[in-house]
Amino acid sequence: MQATMAMLKQQYQKEESLTKDKLSQLSNRELQVFELIKQGKSNKEICADLFIELSTLKSHINRIYKKLEIKNRKEVRNI
């Protein structure tokens, strides 16, 4: 049981490290967008908060997804 717990803990730390490395690749603006998506805000709300156009937001989101190797908002919220 302890060996299993140690393995799970080690796997979690490895995944956390990979996530931090990927997040460090994001620009400041992409991090802002990432955090707002994580909070559950809609595209319209994010555009209003950051004073940007929808097309600009979509570009940021596409770059975030590519850098983090994810496909949707649900995966953002799971990070």
PDB file of N, CA and C in Angstrom:
ATOM      1  N   MET A   1       0.829  -1.197   0.000  1.00  0.00           N
ATOM      2  CA  MET A   1       0.000   0.000   0.000  1.00  0.00           C
ATOM      3  C   MET A   1       0.869   1.254   0.000  1.00  0.00           C
ATOM      4  N   GLN A   2       1.910   1.269   0.834  1.00  0.00           N
ATOM      5  CA  GLN A   2       2.781   2.441   0.897  1.00  0.00           C
ATOM      6  C   GLN A   2       3.526   2.642  -0.418  1.00  0.00           C
ATOM      7  N   ALA A   3       3.922   1.528  -1.055  1.00  0.00           N
ATOM      8  CA  ALA A   3       4.613   1.610  -2.338  1.00  0.00           C
ATOM      9  C   ALA A   3       3.689   2.223  -3.385  1.00  0.00           C
ATOM     10  N   THR A   4       2.427   1.837  -3.375  1.00  0.00           N
ATOM     11  CA  THR A   4       1.448   2.374  -4.311  1.00  0.00           C
ATOM     12  C   THR A   4       1.249   3.868  -4.075  1.00  0.00           C
ATOM     13  N   MET A   5       1.146   4.267  -2.821  1.00  0.00           N
ATOM     14  CA  MET A   5       0.978   5.685  -2.487  1.00  0.00           C
ATOM     15  C   MET A   5       2.200   6.484  -2.920  1.00  0.00           C
ATOM     16  N   ALA A   6       3.368   5.945  -2.722  1.00  0.00           N
ATOM     17  CA  ALA A   6       4.598   6.629  -3.116  1.00  0.00           C
ATOM     18  C   ALA A   6       4.650   6.794  -4.631  1.00  0.00           C
ATOM     19  N   MET A   7       4.220   5.760  -5.344  1.00  0.00           N
ATOM     20  CA  MET A   7       4.211   5.829  -6.806  1.00  0.00           C
ATOM     21  C   MET A   7       3.214   6.871  -7.290  1.00  0.00           C
ATOM     22  N   LEU A   8       2.046   6.919  -6.676  1.00  0.00           N
ATOM     23  CA  LEU A   8       1.040   7.912  -7.042  1.00  0.00           C
ATOM     24  C   LEU A   8       1.537   9.327  -6.766  1.00  0.00           C
ATOM     25  N   LYS A   9       2.172   9.510  -5.628  1.00  0.00           N
ATOM     26  CA  LYS A   9       2.704  10.815  -5.274  1.00  0.00           C
ATOM     27  C   LYS A   9       3.783  11.245  -6.270  1.00  0.00           C
ATOM     28  N   GLN A  10       4.644  10.318  -6.641  1.00  0.00           N
ATOM     29  CA  GLN A  10       5.710  10.610  -7.593  1.00  0.00           C
ATOM     30  C   GLN A  10       5.118  10.972  -8.961  1.00  0.00           C
ATOM     31  N   GLN A  11       4.089  10.244  -9.389  1.00  0.00           N
ATOM     32  CA  GLN A  11       3.431  10.520 -10.668  1.00  0.00           C
ATOM     33  C   GLN A  11       2.780  11.901 -10.640  1.00  0.00           C
ATOM     34  N   TYR A  12       2.117  12.232  -9.534  1.00  0.00           N
ATOM     35  CA  TYR A  12       1.467  13.533  -9.390  1.00  0.00           C
ATOM     36  C   TYR A  12       2.498  14.656  -9.481  1.00  0.00           C
ATOM     37  N   GLN A  13       3.622  14.503  -8.800  1.00  0.00           N
ATOM     38  CA  GLN A  13       4.678  15.521  -8.828  1.00  0.00           C
ATOM     39  C   GLN A  13       5.243  15.677 -10.227  1.00  0.00           C
ATOM     40  N   LYS A  14       5.386  14.579 -10.942  1.00  0.00           N
ATOM     41  CA  LYS A  14       5.888  14.619 -12.316  1.00  0.00           C
ATOM     42  C   LYS A  14       4.912  15.369 -13.214  1.00  0.00           C
ATOM     43  N   GLU A  15       3.613  15.062 -13.101  1.00  0.00           N
ATOM     44  CA  GLU A  15       2.593  15.740 -13.897  1.00  0.00           C
ATOM     45  C   GLU A  15       2.537  17.222 -13.553  1.00  0.00           C
ATOM     46  N   GLU A  16       2.647  17.564 -12.266  1.00  0.00           N
ATOM     47  CA  GLU A  16       2.626  18.952 -11.831  1.00  0.00           C
ATOM     48  C   GLU A  16       3.808  19.717 -12.417  1.00  0.00           C
ATOM     49  N   SER A  17       4.964  19.094 -12.446  1.00  0.00           N
ATOM     50  CA  SER A  17       6.162  19.704 -13.002  1.00  0.00           C
ATOM     51  C   SER A  17       5.994  19.961 -14.494  1.00  0.00           C
ATOM     52  N   LEU A  18       5.434  18.987 -15.214  1.00  0.00           N
ATOM     53  CA  LEU A  18       5.195  19.150 -16.652  1.00  0.00           C
ATOM     54  C   LEU A  18       4.227  20.296 -16.908  1.00  0.00           C
ATOM     55  N   THR A  19       3.184  20.394 -16.094  1.00  0.00           N
ATOM     56  CA  THR A  19       2.204  21.459 -16.241  1.00  0.00           C
ATOM     57  C   THR A  19       2.853  22.819 -16.006  1.00  0.00           C
ATOM     58  N   LYS A  20       3.676  22.941 -14.977  1.00  0.00           N
ATOM     59  CA  LYS A  20       4.357  24.211 -14.695  1.00  0.00           C
ATOM     60  C   LYS A  20       5.270  24.600 -15.850  1.00  0.00           C
ATOM     61  N   ASP A  21       5.972  23.609 -16.430  1.00  0.00           N
ATOM     62  CA  ASP A  21       6.840  23.884 -17.566  1.00  0.00           C
ATOM     63  C   ASP A  21       6.035  24.409 -18.753  1.00  0.00           C
ATOM     64  N   LYS A  22       4.895  23.789 -18.999  1.00  0.00           N
ATOM     65  CA  LYS A  22       4.050  24.223 -20.114  1.00  0.00           C
ATOM     66  C   LYS A  22       3.479  25.616 -19.851  1.00  0.00           C
ATOM     67  N   LEU A  23       3.036  25.860 -18.632  1.00  0.00           N
ATOM     68  CA  LEU A  23       2.476  27.177 -18.298  1.00  0.00           C
ATOM     69  C   LEU A  23       3.517  28.281 -18.435  1.00  0.00           C
ATOM     70  N   SER A  24       4.766  27.951 -18.191  1.00  0.00           N
ATOM     71  CA  SER A  24       5.819  28.965 -18.303  1.00  0.00           C
ATOM     72  C   SER A  24       6.042  29.394 -19.753  1.00  0.00           C
ATOM     73  N   GLN A  25       5.522  28.626 -20.698  1.00  0.00           N
ATOM     74  CA  GLN A  25       5.641  28.965 -22.116  1.00  0.00           C
ATOM     75  C   GLN A  25       4.631  30.030 -22.546  1.00  0.00           C
ATOM     76  N   LEU A  26       3.615  30.260 -21.721  1.00  0.00           N
ATOM     77  CA  LEU A  26       2.572  31.214 -22.088  1.00  0.00           C
ATOM     78  C   LEU A  26       3.045  32.651 -21.878  1.00  0.00           C
ATOM     79  N   SER A  27       2.606  33.528 -22.779  1.00  0.00           N
ATOM     80  CA  SER A  27       2.895  34.955 -22.617  1.00  0.00           C
ATOM     81  C   SER A  27       2.050  35.496 -21.465  1.00  0.00           C
ATOM     82  N   ASN A  28       2.332  36.717 -21.056  1.00  0.00           N
ATOM     83  CA  ASN A  28       1.548  37.329 -19.966  1.00  0.00           C
ATOM     84  C   ASN A  28       0.072  37.414 -20.330  1.00  0.00           C
ATOM     85  N   ARG A  29      -0.222  37.814 -21.561  1.00  0.00           N
ATOM     86  CA  ARG A  29      -1.612  37.947 -21.994  1.00  0.00           C
ATOM     87  C   ARG A  29      -2.279  36.571 -22.049  1.00  0.00           C
ATOM     88  N   GLU A  30      -1.550  35.584 -22.538  1.00  0.00           N
ATOM     89  CA  GLU A  30      -2.099  34.232 -22.584  1.00  0.00           C
ATOM     90  C   GLU A  30      -2.389  33.718 -21.177  1.00  0.00           C
ATOM     91  N   LEU A  31      -1.536  34.050 -20.229  1.00  0.00           N
ATOM     92  CA  LEU A  31      -1.790  33.660 -18.835  1.00  0.00           C
ATOM     93  C   LEU A  31      -3.050  34.331 -18.297  1.00  0.00           C
ATOM     94  N   GLN A  32      -3.250  35.601 -18.658  1.00  0.00           N
ATOM     95  CA  GLN A  32      -4.472  36.292 -18.237  1.00  0.00           C
ATOM     96  C   GLN A  32      -5.698  35.581 -18.794  1.00  0.00           C
ATOM     97  N   VAL A  33      -5.655  35.268 -20.082  1.00  0.00           N
ATOM     98  CA  VAL A  33      -6.771  34.574 -20.731  1.00  0.00           C
ATOM     99  C   VAL A  33      -6.973  33.204 -20.085  1.00  0.00           C
ATOM    100  N   PHE A  34      -5.885  32.484 -19.861  1.00  0.00           N
ATOM    101  CA  PHE A  34      -5.942  31.168 -19.225  1.00  0.00           C
ATOM    102  C   PHE A  34      -6.660  31.250 -17.881  1.00  0.00           C
ATOM    103  N   GLU A  35      -6.277  32.213 -17.059  1.00  0.00           N
ATOM    104  CA  GLU A  35      -6.895  32.352 -15.733  1.00  0.00           C
ATOM    105  C   GLU A  35      -8.382  32.674 -15.831  1.00  0.00           C
ATOM    106  N   LEU A  36      -8.768  33.506 -16.784  1.00  0.00           N
ATOM    107  CA  LEU A  36     -10.178  33.855 -16.939  1.00  0.00           C
ATOM    108  C   LEU A  36     -10.987  32.656 -17.434  1.00  0.00           C
ATOM    109  N   ILE A  37     -10.405  31.869 -18.327  1.00  0.00           N
ATOM    110  CA  ILE A  37     -11.069  30.638 -18.766  1.00  0.00           C
ATOM    111  C   ILE A  37     -11.222  29.698 -17.578  1.00  0.00           C
ATOM    112  N   LYS A  38     -10.171  29.579 -16.783  1.00  0.00           N
ATOM    113  CA  LYS A  38     -10.179  28.707 -15.600  1.00  0.00           C
ATOM    114  C   LYS A  38     -11.280  29.125 -14.614  1.00  0.00           C
ATOM    115  N   GLN A  39     -11.565  30.422 -14.573  1.00  0.00           N
ATOM    116  CA  GLN A  39     -12.623  30.938 -13.703  1.00  0.00           C
ATOM    117  C   GLN A  39     -14.015  30.669 -14.262  1.00  0.00           C
ATOM    118  N   GLY A  40     -14.080  30.161 -15.502  1.00  0.00           N
ATOM    119  CA  GLY A  40     -15.370  29.835 -16.106  1.00  0.00           C
ATOM    120  C   GLY A  40     -16.001  30.967 -16.889  1.00  0.00           C
ATOM    121  N   LYS A  41     -15.228  32.004 -17.182  1.00  0.00           N
ATOM    122  CA  LYS A  41     -15.785  33.138 -17.930  1.00  0.00           C
ATOM    123  C   LYS A  41     -15.979  32.782 -19.403  1.00  0.00           C
ATOM    124  N   SER A  42     -16.997  33.388 -19.997  1.00  0.00           N
ATOM    125  CA  SER A  42     -17.284  33.179 -21.417  1.00  0.00           C
ATOM    126  C   SER A  42     -16.343  34.043 -22.261  1.00  0.00           C
ATOM    127  N   ASN A  43     -16.305  33.768 -23.561  1.00  0.00           N
ATOM    128  CA  ASN A  43     -15.486  34.587 -24.452  1.00  0.00           C
ATOM    129  C   ASN A  43     -15.916  36.049 -24.388  1.00  0.00           C
ATOM    130  N   LYS A  44     -17.208  36.287 -24.364  1.00  0.00           N
ATOM    131  CA  LYS A  44     -17.727  37.651 -24.309  1.00  0.00           C
ATOM    132  C   LYS A  44     -17.254  38.368 -23.038  1.00  0.00           C
ATOM    133  N   GLU A  45     -17.300  37.675 -21.919  1.00  0.00           N
ATOM    134  CA  GLU A  45     -16.854  38.259 -20.651  1.00  0.00           C
ATOM    135  C   GLU A  45     -15.352  38.538 -20.667  1.00  0.00           C
ATOM    136  N   ILE A  46     -14.587  37.608 -21.227  1.00  0.00           N
ATOM    137  CA  ILE A  46     -13.136  37.790 -21.290  1.00  0.00           C
ATOM    138  C   ILE A  46     -12.795  38.982 -22.174  1.00  0.00           C
ATOM    139  N   CYS A  47     -13.459  39.100 -23.316  1.00  0.00           N
ATOM    140  CA  CYS A  47     -13.224  40.240 -24.211  1.00  0.00           C
ATOM    141  C   CYS A  47     -13.505  41.557 -23.492  1.00  0.00           C
ATOM    142  N   ALA A  48     -14.586  41.604 -22.746  1.00  0.00           N
ATOM    143  CA  ALA A  48     -14.942  42.822 -22.006  1.00  0.00           C
ATOM    144  C   ALA A  48     -13.915  43.120 -20.914  1.00  0.00           C
ATOM    145  N   ASP A  49     -13.482  42.094 -20.201  1.00  0.00           N
ATOM    146  CA  ASP A  49     -12.515  42.280 -19.113  1.00  0.00           C
ATOM    147  C   ASP A  49     -11.164  42.773 -19.630  1.00  0.00           C
ATOM    148  N   LEU A  50     -10.739  42.251 -20.793  1.00  0.00           N
ATOM    149  CA  LEU A  50      -9.401  42.561 -21.310  1.00  0.00           C
ATOM    150  C   LEU A  50      -9.412  43.633 -22.406  1.00  0.00           C
ATOM    151  N   PHE A  51     -10.603  44.109 -22.757  1.00  0.00           N
ATOM    152  CA  PHE A  51     -10.738  45.133 -23.799  1.00  0.00           C
ATOM    153  C   PHE A  51     -10.099  44.692 -25.114  1.00  0.00           C
ATOM    154  N   ILE A  52     -10.461  43.469 -25.548  1.00  0.00           N
ATOM    155  CA  ILE A  52      -9.939  42.951 -26.806  1.00  0.00           C
ATOM    156  C   ILE A  52     -11.097  42.446 -27.667  1.00  0.00           C
ATOM    157  N   GLU A  53     -10.831  42.311 -28.951  1.00  0.00           N
ATOM    158  CA  GLU A  53     -11.823  41.795 -29.888  1.00  0.00           C
ATOM    159  C   GLU A  53     -11.902  40.277 -29.780  1.00  0.00           C
ATOM    160  N   LEU A  54     -13.032  39.726 -30.208  1.00  0.00           N
ATOM    161  CA  LEU A  54     -13.236  38.284 -30.165  1.00  0.00           C
ATOM    162  C   LEU A  54     -12.187  37.552 -31.002  1.00  0.00           C
ATOM    163  N   SER A  55     -11.840  38.092 -32.156  1.00  0.00           N
ATOM    164  CA  SER A  55     -10.846  37.430 -33.008  1.00  0.00           C
ATOM    165  C   SER A  55      -9.486  37.363 -32.310  1.00  0.00           C
ATOM    166  N   THR A  56      -9.136  38.398 -31.579  1.00  0.00           N
ATOM    167  CA  THR A  56      -7.879  38.410 -30.821  1.00  0.00           C
ATOM    168  C   THR A  56      -7.923  37.363 -29.719  1.00  0.00           C
ATOM    169  N   LEU A  57      -9.042  37.297 -29.023  1.00  0.00           N
ATOM    170  CA  LEU A  57      -9.202  36.307 -27.959  1.00  0.00           C
ATOM    171  C   LEU A  57      -9.073  34.889 -28.516  1.00  0.00           C
ATOM    172  N   LYS A  58      -9.715  34.640 -29.639  1.00  0.00           N
ATOM    173  CA  LYS A  58      -9.647  33.300 -30.237  1.00  0.00           C
ATOM    174  C   LYS A  58      -8.217  32.938 -30.610  1.00  0.00           C
ATOM    175  N   SER A  59      -7.444  33.913 -31.057  1.00  0.00           N
ATOM    176  CA  SER A  59      -6.023  33.658 -31.361  1.00  0.00           C
ATOM    177  C   SER A  59      -5.266  33.277 -30.100  1.00  0.00           C
ATOM    178  N   HIS A  60      -5.523  34.008 -29.025  1.00  0.00           N
ATOM    179  CA  HIS A  60      -4.877  33.692 -27.741  1.00  0.00           C
ATOM    180  C   HIS A  60      -5.251  32.277 -27.290  1.00  0.00           C
ATOM    181  N   ILE A  61      -6.532  31.959 -27.381  1.00  0.00           N
ATOM    182  CA  ILE A  61      -7.001  30.646 -26.940  1.00  0.00           C
ATOM    183  C   ILE A  61      -6.355  29.538 -27.768  1.00  0.00           C
ATOM    184  N   ASN A  62      -6.289  29.731 -29.075  1.00  0.00           N
ATOM    185  CA  ASN A  62      -5.673  28.706 -29.933  1.00  0.00           C
ATOM    186  C   ASN A  62      -4.204  28.497 -29.573  1.00  0.00           C
ATOM    187  N   ARG A  63      -3.480  29.583 -29.294  1.00  0.00           N
ATOM    188  CA  ARG A  63      -2.074  29.445 -28.896  1.00  0.00           C
ATOM    189  C   ARG A  63      -1.949  28.751 -27.541  1.00  0.00           C
ATOM    190  N   ILE A  64      -2.837  29.073 -26.625  1.00  0.00           N
ATOM    191  CA  ILE A  64      -2.833  28.425 -25.298  1.00  0.00           C
ATOM    192  C   ILE A  64      -3.043  26.921 -25.454  1.00  0.00           C
ATOM    193  N   TYR A  65      -4.056  26.550 -26.219  1.00  0.00           N
ATOM    194  CA  TYR A  65      -4.352  25.134 -26.419  1.00  0.00           C
ATOM    195  C   TYR A  65      -3.159  24.420 -27.042  1.00  0.00           C
ATOM    196  N   LYS A  66      -2.536  25.050 -28.018  1.00  0.00           N
ATOM    197  CA  LYS A  66      -1.398  24.426 -28.693  1.00  0.00           C
ATOM    198  C   LYS A  66      -0.224  24.258 -27.731  1.00  0.00           C
ATOM    199  N   LYS A  67       0.111  25.312 -26.985  1.00  0.00           N
ATOM    200  CA  LYS A  67       1.241  25.254 -26.061  1.00  0.00           C
ATOM    201  C   LYS A  67       1.024  24.258 -24.939  1.00  0.00           C
ATOM    202  N   LEU A  68      -0.204  24.156 -24.460  1.00  0.00           N
ATOM    203  CA  LEU A  68      -0.512  23.252 -23.344  1.00  0.00           C
ATOM    204  C   LEU A  68      -0.926  21.861 -23.810  1.00  0.00           C
ATOM    205  N   GLU A  69      -1.031  21.714 -25.140  1.00  0.00           N
ATOM    206  CA  GLU A  69      -1.427  20.431 -25.731  1.00  0.00           C
ATOM    207  C   GLU A  69      -2.774  19.962 -25.189  1.00  0.00           C
ATOM    208  N   ILE A  70      -3.741  20.867 -25.228  1.00  0.00           N
ATOM    209  CA  ILE A  70      -5.100  20.556 -24.796  1.00  0.00           C
ATOM    210  C   ILE A  70      -6.060  20.918 -25.920  1.00  0.00           C
ATOM    211  N   LYS A  71      -7.338  20.540 -25.736  1.00  0.00           N
ATOM    212  CA  LYS A  71      -8.305  20.718 -26.819  1.00  0.00           C
ATOM    213  C   LYS A  71      -9.511  21.570 -26.473  1.00  0.00           C
ATOM    214  N   ASN A  72      -9.762  21.800 -25.181  1.00  0.00           N
ATOM    215  CA  ASN A  72     -10.984  22.528 -24.846  1.00  0.00           C
ATOM    216  C   ASN A  72     -10.901  23.169 -23.452  1.00  0.00           C
ATOM    217  N   ARG A  73     -11.941  23.948 -23.146  1.00  0.00           N
ATOM    218  CA  ARG A  73     -12.000  24.677 -21.871  1.00  0.00           C
ATOM    219  C   ARG A  73     -12.029  23.742 -20.665  1.00  0.00           C
ATOM    220  N   LYS A  74     -12.670  22.602 -20.825  1.00  0.00           N
ATOM    221  CA  LYS A  74     -12.739  21.636 -19.715  1.00  0.00           C
ATOM    222  C   LYS A  74     -11.333  21.226 -19.294  1.00  0.00           C
ATOM    223  N   GLU A  75     -10.456  21.024 -20.263  1.00  0.00           N
ATOM    224  CA  GLU A  75      -9.091  20.642 -19.949  1.00  0.00           C
ATOM    225  C   GLU A  75      -8.353  21.791 -19.267  1.00  0.00           C
ATOM    226  N   VAL A  76      -8.666  23.030 -19.641  1.00  0.00           N
ATOM    227  CA  VAL A  76      -8.063  24.197 -18.964  1.00  0.00           C
ATOM    228  C   VAL A  76      -8.452  24.165 -17.499  1.00  0.00           C
ATOM    229  N   ARG A  77      -9.716  23.950 -17.218  1.00  0.00           N
ATOM    230  CA  ARG A  77     -10.193  23.961 -15.833  1.00  0.00           C
ATOM    231  C   ARG A  77      -9.605  22.811 -15.007  1.00  0.00           C
ATOM    232  N   ASN A  78      -9.171  21.752 -15.681  1.00  0.00           N
ATOM    233  CA  ASN A  78      -8.589  20.601 -14.968  1.00  0.00           C
ATOM    234  C   ASN A  78      -7.113  20.791 -14.643  1.00  0.00           C
ATOM    235  N   ILE A  79      -6.514  21.821 -15.198  1.00  0.00           N
ATOM    236  CA  ILE A  79      -5.077  22.061 -14.934  1.00  0.00           C
ATOM    237  C   ILE A  79      -4.919  22.731 -13.588  1.00  0.00           C
TER     238      ILE A  79
END
